[in-house]
Amino acid sequence: MTDHTSRPTADDTEALETLRRLRGSIDNIDAALVYLLAERFRATKQVGVLKAEHGMPASDPAREEQQLTRLRALAIDAELDPEFAQKWFTFVVAEVIRHHVEAAEEL
């Protein structure tokens, strides 16, 4: 499809079908990620309540550093940019800590 007036070629039709299939796969992966994140936050919410009930700090820098090291290694194994994995983890941990602080304030 080099211009808007020409008819789609077999190659164009195949490319569009491949694009549709790939986008469907991406949509499925995005849905799975949302559900996995929801499950992760349900678990971290329980951690926040436990910490609040026992007067533990919301943040655990040693644990966060261990997790960051582990996730960077996993990213490398998965052929994902470890800098991206670190940014994602830092973002998620900030949100988790915010939830933990809120849990402590509610007690």
Protein backbone atom coordinates (compact mmCIF):
# COMPACT_ATOMS: atom_id res chain seq x y z
CA MET A 1 0.00 0.00 0.00
CA THR A 2 2.26 2.74 -1.21
CA ASP A 3 -0.56 5.27 -1.65
CA HIS A 4 -4.18 5.56 -0.62
CA THR A 5 -5.59 4.88 -4.09
CA SER A 6 -3.90 1.57 -4.77
CA ARG A 7 -5.42 -1.73 -3.80
CA PRO A 8 -3.83 -3.69 -0.96
CA THR A 9 -1.42 -6.33 -2.15
CA ALA A 10 -1.16 -9.84 -0.75
CA ASP A 11 1.92 -8.65 1.16
CA ASP A 12 -0.06 -5.75 2.62
CA THR A 13 -2.90 -8.05 3.64
CA GLU A 14 -0.45 -10.43 5.29
CA ALA A 15 1.27 -7.54 7.07
CA LEU A 16 -2.07 -6.23 8.36
CA GLU A 17 -3.03 -9.69 9.61
CA THR A 18 0.34 -10.02 11.35
CA LEU A 19 -0.13 -6.58 12.90
CA ARG A 20 -3.61 -7.56 14.15
CA ARG A 21 -2.26 -10.79 15.63
CA LEU A 22 0.67 -9.06 17.33
CA ARG A 23 -1.58 -6.36 18.78
CA GLY A 24 -3.91 -9.04 20.11
CA SER A 25 -0.96 -10.67 21.83
CA ILE A 26 0.14 -7.33 23.28
CA ASP A 27 -3.40 -6.71 24.56
CA ASN A 28 -3.41 -10.11 26.27
CA ILE A 29 -0.02 -9.47 27.87
CA ASP A 30 -1.17 -6.04 29.09
CA ALA A 31 -4.24 -7.62 30.68
CA ALA A 32 -2.10 -10.25 32.40
CA LEU A 33 0.27 -7.56 33.69
CA VAL A 34 -2.63 -5.59 35.19
CA TYR A 35 -3.93 -8.66 37.00
CA LEU A 36 -0.42 -9.58 38.20
CA LEU A 37 0.13 -6.06 39.50
CA ALA A 38 -3.20 -6.18 41.30
CA GLU A 39 -2.17 -9.46 42.94
CA ARG A 40 1.20 -7.99 43.89
CA PHE A 41 -0.44 -4.99 45.53
CA ARG A 42 -2.88 -7.20 47.43
CA ALA A 43 0.15 -9.00 48.91
CA THR A 44 2.05 -5.79 49.67
CA LYS A 45 -1.05 -4.34 51.32
CA GLN A 46 -1.01 -7.26 53.74
CA VAL A 47 2.69 -6.59 54.36
CA GLY A 48 1.85 -2.94 55.08
CA VAL A 49 -0.82 -3.86 57.60
CA LEU A 50 1.52 -6.34 59.30
CA LYS A 51 4.29 -3.76 59.49
CA ALA A 52 1.90 -1.14 60.86
CA GLU A 53 0.53 -3.49 63.51
CA HIS A 54 4.05 -4.29 64.72
CA GLY A 55 5.54 -0.82 64.47
CA MET A 56 7.90 -1.74 61.65
CA PRO A 57 9.10 0.95 59.24
CA ALA A 58 7.25 1.29 55.94
CA SER A 59 10.49 1.06 54.00
CA ASP A 60 13.10 -1.71 54.13
CA PRO A 61 16.12 -0.41 52.18
CA ALA A 62 18.10 -3.65 52.54
CA ARG A 63 15.21 -5.71 51.13
CA GLU A 64 14.67 -3.19 48.35
CA GLU A 65 18.35 -3.35 47.37
CA GLN A 66 18.27 -7.17 47.34
CA GLN A 67 15.16 -7.13 45.17
CA LEU A 68 16.65 -4.56 42.83
CA THR A 69 19.78 -6.66 42.34
CA ARG A 70 17.67 -9.77 41.76
CA LEU A 71 15.34 -8.04 39.29
CA ARG A 72 18.22 -6.52 37.32
CA ALA A 73 19.72 -10.01 36.94
CA LEU A 74 16.34 -11.41 35.88
CA ALA A 75 15.99 -8.60 33.35
CA ILE A 76 19.37 -9.44 31.85
CA ASP A 77 18.40 -13.13 31.64
CA ALA A 78 15.10 -12.14 30.00
CA GLU A 79 16.85 -9.81 27.56
CA LEU A 80 15.06 -6.79 29.06
CA ASP A 81 16.91 -3.56 29.68
CA PRO A 82 17.94 -3.72 33.37
CA GLU A 83 17.64 0.09 33.59
CA PHE A 84 13.99 -0.22 32.57
CA ALA A 85 13.46 -2.98 35.16
CA GLN A 86 15.03 -0.73 37.80
CA LYS A 87 12.78 2.21 36.86
CA TRP A 88 9.72 -0.02 37.03
CA PHE A 89 10.75 -1.45 40.40
CA THR A 90 11.53 1.98 41.84
CA PHE A 91 8.11 3.22 40.75
CA VAL A 92 6.32 0.21 42.25
CA VAL A 93 8.26 0.39 45.53
CA ALA A 94 7.41 4.08 45.93
CA GLU A 95 3.73 3.21 45.59
CA VAL A 96 4.05 0.29 48.01
CA ILE A 97 5.76 2.50 50.61
CA ARG A 98 2.99 5.08 50.21
CA HIS A 99 0.44 2.33 50.92
CA HIS A 100 2.44 1.18 53.95
CA VAL A 101 2.55 4.71 55.35
CA GLU A 102 -1.21 5.01 54.87
CA ALA A 103 -1.74 1.68 56.65
CA ALA A 104 0.31 2.92 59.62
CA GLU A 105 -1.66 6.17 59.74
CA GLU A 106 -4.96 4.27 59.82
CA LEU A 107 -4.04 2.46 63.05
